[in-house]
Amino acid sequence: MTILRLFRDGSRIEFGKGHLDRCSVYLARPNQAKVPAHEAESLVRLERLAHASSPQGLYNDFIVIYNRATHEPQPYVFDLIHAIARVYGEHSFEVEVALALLYAEMVAIERRHRSRPGVKRHRRLGVHQVLVEGYSAQAAVAFSKGKATEHVVAACAARGF
């Protein structure tokens, strides 16, 4: 396991062995079993946070992170996430974990599919649907599940990205 980020409560985000490769993302909490991060869970976190803060502001902060996601994790991005999350007051830790997980998931996606440009747009589409369009996390996941890449690309283009 490669530790990507250690949080103040002892939680950590790691890359580990997944079903197909060694770049699956895991969230390990103190005194709890390590669990793989999934898109649906990440979107549920954002959905909850959207009720506590500005969904558009949260989306704008996600875009800052989205634009920095490549096939290699960069420690400075986790520091940037920490700085961004501080403005969310009592929800700062939850925002930090949510954005850090999304960033790690996008890095993993880019690692898996380096030959296919734009694969992380699937994640942006889901985040956009939850935070900007008001979809539930489950509806956002269902929207693109099993769809051809061309369908997702067209949906992204219709939304201006």
C-alpha atoms as a PDB file:
ATOM      1  CA  MET A   1       0.000   0.000   0.000  1.00  0.00           C
ATOM      2  CA  THR A   2       1.164   3.463  -0.904  1.00  0.00           C
ATOM      3  CA  ILE A   3      -0.080   6.127   1.505  1.00  0.00           C
ATOM      4  CA  LEU A   4      -1.182   9.212  -0.399  1.00  0.00           C
ATOM      5  CA  ARG A   5      -2.494  11.332   2.467  1.00  0.00           C
ATOM      6  CA  LEU A   6      -2.551  11.059   6.243  1.00  0.00           C
ATOM      7  CA  PHE A   7      -5.231  13.130   7.993  1.00  0.00           C
ATOM      8  CA  ARG A   8      -5.177  14.689  11.446  1.00  0.00           C
ATOM      9  CA  ASP A   9      -7.557  12.059  12.868  1.00  0.00           C
ATOM     10  CA  GLY A  10      -5.269   9.217  11.740  1.00  0.00           C
ATOM     11  CA  SER A  11      -7.327   8.374   8.645  1.00  0.00           C
ATOM     12  CA  ARG A  12      -5.404   7.850   5.448  1.00  0.00           C
ATOM     13  CA  ILE A  13      -5.944   7.525   1.718  1.00  0.00           C
ATOM     14  CA  GLU A  14      -3.927   4.792   0.051  1.00  0.00           C
ATOM     15  CA  PHE A  15      -3.331   3.176  -3.296  1.00  0.00           C
ATOM     16  CA  GLY A  16      -3.566  -0.581  -3.055  1.00  0.00           C
ATOM     17  CA  LYS A  17      -4.234  -3.749  -4.939  1.00  0.00           C
ATOM     18  CA  GLY A  18      -7.605  -3.784  -6.580  1.00  0.00           C
ATOM     19  CA  HIS A  19      -9.459  -6.188  -8.792  1.00  0.00           C
ATOM     20  CA  LEU A  20      -7.466  -5.310 -11.906  1.00  0.00           C
ATOM     21  CA  ASP A  21      -4.353  -3.439 -10.820  1.00  0.00           C
ATOM     22  CA  ARG A  22      -2.448  -1.787  -7.982  1.00  0.00           C
ATOM     23  CA  CYS A  23      -4.120   1.607  -8.245  1.00  0.00           C
ATOM     24  CA  SER A  24      -7.325   1.191  -6.372  1.00  0.00           C
ATOM     25  CA  VAL A  25      -8.029   3.879  -3.797  1.00  0.00           C
ATOM     26  CA  TYR A  26      -8.727   2.955  -0.172  1.00  0.00           C
ATOM     27  CA  LEU A  27      -9.857   4.996   2.812  1.00  0.00           C
ATOM     28  CA  ALA A  28      -8.485   3.654   6.085  1.00  0.00           C
ATOM     29  CA  ARG A  29     -10.000   5.030   9.291  1.00  0.00           C
ATOM     30  CA  PRO A  30      -8.517   4.444  12.756  1.00  0.00           C
ATOM     31  CA  ASN A  31      -9.881   1.264  14.371  1.00  0.00           C
ATOM     32  CA  GLN A  32     -11.957   0.403  11.281  1.00  0.00           C
ATOM     33  CA  ALA A  33     -11.497  -1.854   8.307  1.00  0.00           C
ATOM     34  CA  LYS A  34      -9.917  -0.331   5.233  1.00  0.00           C
ATOM     35  CA  VAL A  35     -12.544   0.135   2.515  1.00  0.00           C
ATOM     36  CA  PRO A  36     -12.165   0.783  -1.204  1.00  0.00           C
ATOM     37  CA  ALA A  37     -13.347   4.157  -2.401  1.00  0.00           C
ATOM     38  CA  HIS A  38     -16.143   4.062  -4.965  1.00  0.00           C
ATOM     39  CA  GLU A  39     -17.679   6.785  -7.091  1.00  0.00           C
ATOM     40  CA  ALA A  40     -21.093   6.350  -5.480  1.00  0.00           C
ATOM     41  CA  GLU A  41     -19.708   6.875  -1.975  1.00  0.00           C
ATOM     42  CA  SER A  42     -17.742   9.944  -3.071  1.00  0.00           C
ATOM     43  CA  LEU A  43     -20.847  11.454  -4.625  1.00  0.00           C
ATOM     44  CA  VAL A  44     -22.907  10.693  -1.499  1.00  0.00           C
ATOM     45  CA  ARG A  45     -20.295  12.605   0.547  1.00  0.00           C
ATOM     46  CA  LEU A  46     -20.633  15.589  -1.801  1.00  0.00           C
ATOM     47  CA  GLU A  47     -24.411  15.367  -1.738  1.00  0.00           C
ATOM     48  CA  ARG A  48     -24.386  15.619   2.079  1.00  0.00           C
ATOM     49  CA  LEU A  49     -21.885  18.476   2.013  1.00  0.00           C
ATOM     50  CA  ALA A  50     -23.932  20.355  -0.586  1.00  0.00           C
ATOM     51  CA  HIS A  51     -26.758  20.630   1.956  1.00  0.00           C
ATOM     52  CA  ALA A  52     -24.381  22.189   4.486  1.00  0.00           C
ATOM     53  CA  SER A  53     -22.614  24.656   2.185  1.00  0.00           C
ATOM     54  CA  SER A  54     -22.794  26.265  -1.226  1.00  0.00           C
ATOM     55  CA  PRO A  55     -23.025  23.519  -3.873  1.00  0.00           C
ATOM     56  CA  GLN A  56     -21.677  25.872  -6.562  1.00  0.00           C
ATOM     57  CA  GLY A  57     -18.734  26.873  -4.364  1.00  0.00           C
ATOM     58  CA  LEU A  58     -17.978  23.228  -3.662  1.00  0.00           C
ATOM     59  CA  TYR A  59     -18.161  22.477  -7.396  1.00  0.00           C
ATOM     60  CA  ASN A  60     -15.780  25.363  -8.158  1.00  0.00           C
ATOM     61  CA  ASP A  61     -13.333  24.013  -5.574  1.00  0.00           C
ATOM     62  CA  PHE A  62     -13.620  20.548  -7.119  1.00  0.00           C
ATOM     63  CA  ILE A  63     -12.711  22.028 -10.528  1.00  0.00           C
ATOM     64  CA  VAL A  64      -9.512  23.484  -9.042  1.00  0.00           C
ATOM     65  CA  ILE A  65      -8.556  19.938  -7.999  1.00  0.00           C
ATOM     66  CA  TYR A  66      -9.871  18.347 -11.204  1.00  0.00           C
ATOM     67  CA  ASN A  67      -7.582  20.532 -13.303  1.00  0.00           C
ATOM     68  CA  ARG A  68      -4.544  19.265 -11.389  1.00  0.00           C
ATOM     69  CA  ALA A  69      -5.282  15.523 -11.603  1.00  0.00           C
ATOM     70  CA  THR A  70      -2.784  13.598 -13.720  1.00  0.00           C
ATOM     71  CA  HIS A  71      -1.537  10.010 -13.687  1.00  0.00           C
ATOM     72  CA  GLU A  72       0.868  10.819 -10.822  1.00  0.00           C
ATOM     73  CA  PRO A  73      -0.301  11.961  -7.381  1.00  0.00           C
ATOM     74  CA  GLN A  74       1.208  15.287  -6.364  1.00  0.00           C
ATOM     75  CA  PRO A  75       1.618  16.025  -2.632  1.00  0.00           C
ATOM     76  CA  TYR A  76       1.079  19.751  -3.208  1.00  0.00           C
ATOM     77  CA  VAL A  77      -2.469  19.021  -4.438  1.00  0.00           C
ATOM     78  CA  PHE A  78      -3.336  17.411  -1.098  1.00  0.00           C
ATOM     79  CA  ASP A  79      -1.927  20.522   0.618  1.00  0.00           C
ATOM     80  CA  LEU A  80      -4.056  22.684  -1.689  1.00  0.00           C
ATOM     81  CA  ILE A  81      -7.113  20.605  -0.786  1.00  0.00           C
ATOM     82  CA  HIS A  82      -6.357  21.148   2.908  1.00  0.00           C
ATOM     83  CA  ALA A  83      -6.145  24.928   2.331  1.00  0.00           C
ATOM     84  CA  ILE A  84      -9.355  24.978   0.275  1.00  0.00           C
ATOM     85  CA  ALA A  85     -11.246  22.969   2.898  1.00  0.00           C
ATOM     86  CA  ARG A  86     -10.391  25.405   5.700  1.00  0.00           C
ATOM     87  CA  VAL A  87     -13.006  27.883   4.449  1.00  0.00           C
ATOM     88  CA  TYR A  88     -15.791  25.359   5.132  1.00  0.00           C
ATOM     89  CA  GLY A  89     -15.624  25.898   8.899  1.00  0.00           C
ATOM     90  CA  GLU A  90     -17.092  23.030  10.906  1.00  0.00           C
ATOM     91  CA  HIS A  91     -17.300  20.904   7.746  1.00  0.00           C
ATOM     92  CA  SER A  92     -13.685  21.484   6.732  1.00  0.00           C
ATOM     93  CA  PHE A  93     -12.499  17.983   7.601  1.00  0.00           C
ATOM     94  CA  GLU A  94     -15.336  16.305   5.679  1.00  0.00           C
ATOM     95  CA  VAL A  95     -14.670  18.536   2.661  1.00  0.00           C
ATOM     96  CA  GLU A  96     -10.960  17.752   2.829  1.00  0.00           C
ATOM     97  CA  VAL A  97     -11.586  14.000   2.885  1.00  0.00           C
ATOM     98  CA  ALA A  98     -14.173  14.202   0.095  1.00  0.00           C
ATOM     99  CA  LEU A  99     -11.967  16.259  -2.231  1.00  0.00           C
ATOM    100  CA  ALA A 100      -8.863  14.201  -1.423  1.00  0.00           C
ATOM    101  CA  LEU A 101     -10.720  10.989  -2.239  1.00  0.00           C
ATOM    102  CA  LEU A 102     -11.997  12.439  -5.504  1.00  0.00           C
ATOM    103  CA  TYR A 103      -8.485  13.562  -6.408  1.00  0.00           C
ATOM    104  CA  ALA A 104      -6.999  10.141  -5.617  1.00  0.00           C
ATOM    105  CA  GLU A 105      -9.754   8.438  -7.631  1.00  0.00           C
ATOM    106  CA  MET A 106      -9.043  10.665 -10.635  1.00  0.00           C
ATOM    107  CA  VAL A 107      -5.312   9.904 -10.388  1.00  0.00           C
ATOM    108  CA  ALA A 108      -6.134   6.191 -10.321  1.00  0.00           C
ATOM    109  CA  ILE A 109      -8.422   6.579 -13.335  1.00  0.00           C
ATOM    110  CA  GLU A 110      -5.710   8.425 -15.247  1.00  0.00           C
ATOM    111  CA  ARG A 111      -3.178   5.710 -14.347  1.00  0.00           C
ATOM    112  CA  ARG A 112      -5.450   2.961 -15.589  1.00  0.00           C
ATOM    113  CA  HIS A 113      -6.449   4.657 -18.807  1.00  0.00           C
ATOM    114  CA  ARG A 114      -3.480   6.805 -19.826  1.00  0.00           C
ATOM    115  CA  SER A 115      -4.034   5.922 -23.463  1.00  0.00           C
ATOM    116  CA  ARG A 116      -7.616   7.269 -23.369  1.00  0.00           C
ATOM    117  CA  PRO A 117      -7.615  11.036 -22.891  1.00  0.00           C
ATOM    118  CA  GLY A 118     -10.373  12.586 -20.840  1.00  0.00           C
ATOM    119  CA  VAL A 119     -11.427   9.536 -18.832  1.00  0.00           C
ATOM    120  CA  LYS A 120     -11.605  11.594 -15.656  1.00  0.00           C
ATOM    121  CA  ARG A 121     -14.496  13.526 -17.245  1.00  0.00           C
ATOM    122  CA  HIS A 122     -16.768  10.716 -16.024  1.00  0.00           C
ATOM    123  CA  ARG A 123     -16.035  11.877 -12.482  1.00  0.00           C
ATOM    124  CA  ARG A 124     -16.578  15.533 -13.385  1.00  0.00           C
ATOM    125  CA  LEU A 125     -19.923  14.683 -14.936  1.00  0.00           C
ATOM    126  CA  GLY A 126     -21.069  12.930 -11.754  1.00  0.00           C
ATOM    127  CA  VAL A 127     -19.896  15.781  -9.525  1.00  0.00           C
ATOM    128  CA  HIS A 128     -21.572  18.337 -11.815  1.00  0.00           C
ATOM    129  CA  GLN A 129     -24.834  16.408 -11.759  1.00  0.00           C
ATOM    130  CA  VAL A 130     -24.860  16.219  -7.955  1.00  0.00           C
ATOM    131  CA  LEU A 131     -23.654  19.725  -7.100  1.00  0.00           C
ATOM    132  CA  VAL A 132     -24.951  21.835  -9.981  1.00  0.00           C
ATOM    133  CA  GLU A 133     -27.945  19.945 -11.357  1.00  0.00           C
ATOM    134  CA  GLY A 134     -29.265  18.542  -8.066  1.00  0.00           C
ATOM    135  CA  TYR A 135     -29.168  14.852  -9.015  1.00  0.00           C
ATOM    136  CA  SER A 136     -28.997  12.341  -6.199  1.00  0.00           C
ATOM    137  CA  ALA A 137     -25.702  10.465  -5.970  1.00  0.00           C
ATOM    138  CA  GLN A 138     -27.425   7.255  -7.073  1.00  0.00           C
ATOM    139  CA  ALA A 139     -29.014   8.949 -10.103  1.00  0.00           C
ATOM    140  CA  ALA A 140     -25.669  10.453 -11.146  1.00  0.00           C
ATOM    141  CA  VAL A 141     -23.959   7.050 -10.992  1.00  0.00           C
ATOM    142  CA  ALA A 142     -26.829   5.375 -12.847  1.00  0.00           C
ATOM    143  CA  PHE A 143     -26.742   8.038 -15.573  1.00  0.00           C
ATOM    144  CA  SER A 144     -23.375   6.963 -16.956  1.00  0.00           C
ATOM    145  CA  LYS A 145     -23.176   3.362 -15.765  1.00  0.00           C
ATOM    146  CA  GLY A 146     -22.752   1.012 -18.693  1.00  0.00           C
ATOM    147  CA  LYS A 147     -22.924   3.850 -21.203  1.00  0.00           C
ATOM    148  CA  ALA A 148     -20.491   4.100 -24.111  1.00  0.00           C
ATOM    149  CA  THR A 149     -17.752   6.689 -23.744  1.00  0.00           C
ATOM    150  CA  GLU A 150     -19.291   8.665 -26.608  1.00  0.00           C
ATOM    151  CA  HIS A 151     -22.492   9.085 -24.581  1.00  0.00           C
ATOM    152  CA  VAL A 152     -20.577  10.457 -21.589  1.00  0.00           C
ATOM    153  CA  VAL A 153     -18.492  12.737 -23.827  1.00  0.00           C
ATOM    154  CA  ALA A 154     -21.684  14.107 -25.400  1.00  0.00           C
ATOM    155  CA  ALA A 155     -23.235  14.671 -21.963  1.00  0.00           C
ATOM    156  CA  CYS A 156     -20.122  16.554 -20.874  1.00  0.00           C
ATOM    157  CA  ALA A 157     -20.110  18.659 -24.044  1.00  0.00           C
ATOM    158  CA  ALA A 158     -23.773  19.533 -23.509  1.00  0.00           C
ATOM    159  CA  ARG A 159     -22.759  20.904 -20.111  1.00  0.00           C
ATOM    160  CA  GLY A 160     -19.867  22.943 -21.509  1.00  0.00           C
ATOM    161  CA  PHE A 161     -16.885  20.825 -20.519  1.00  0.00           C
END
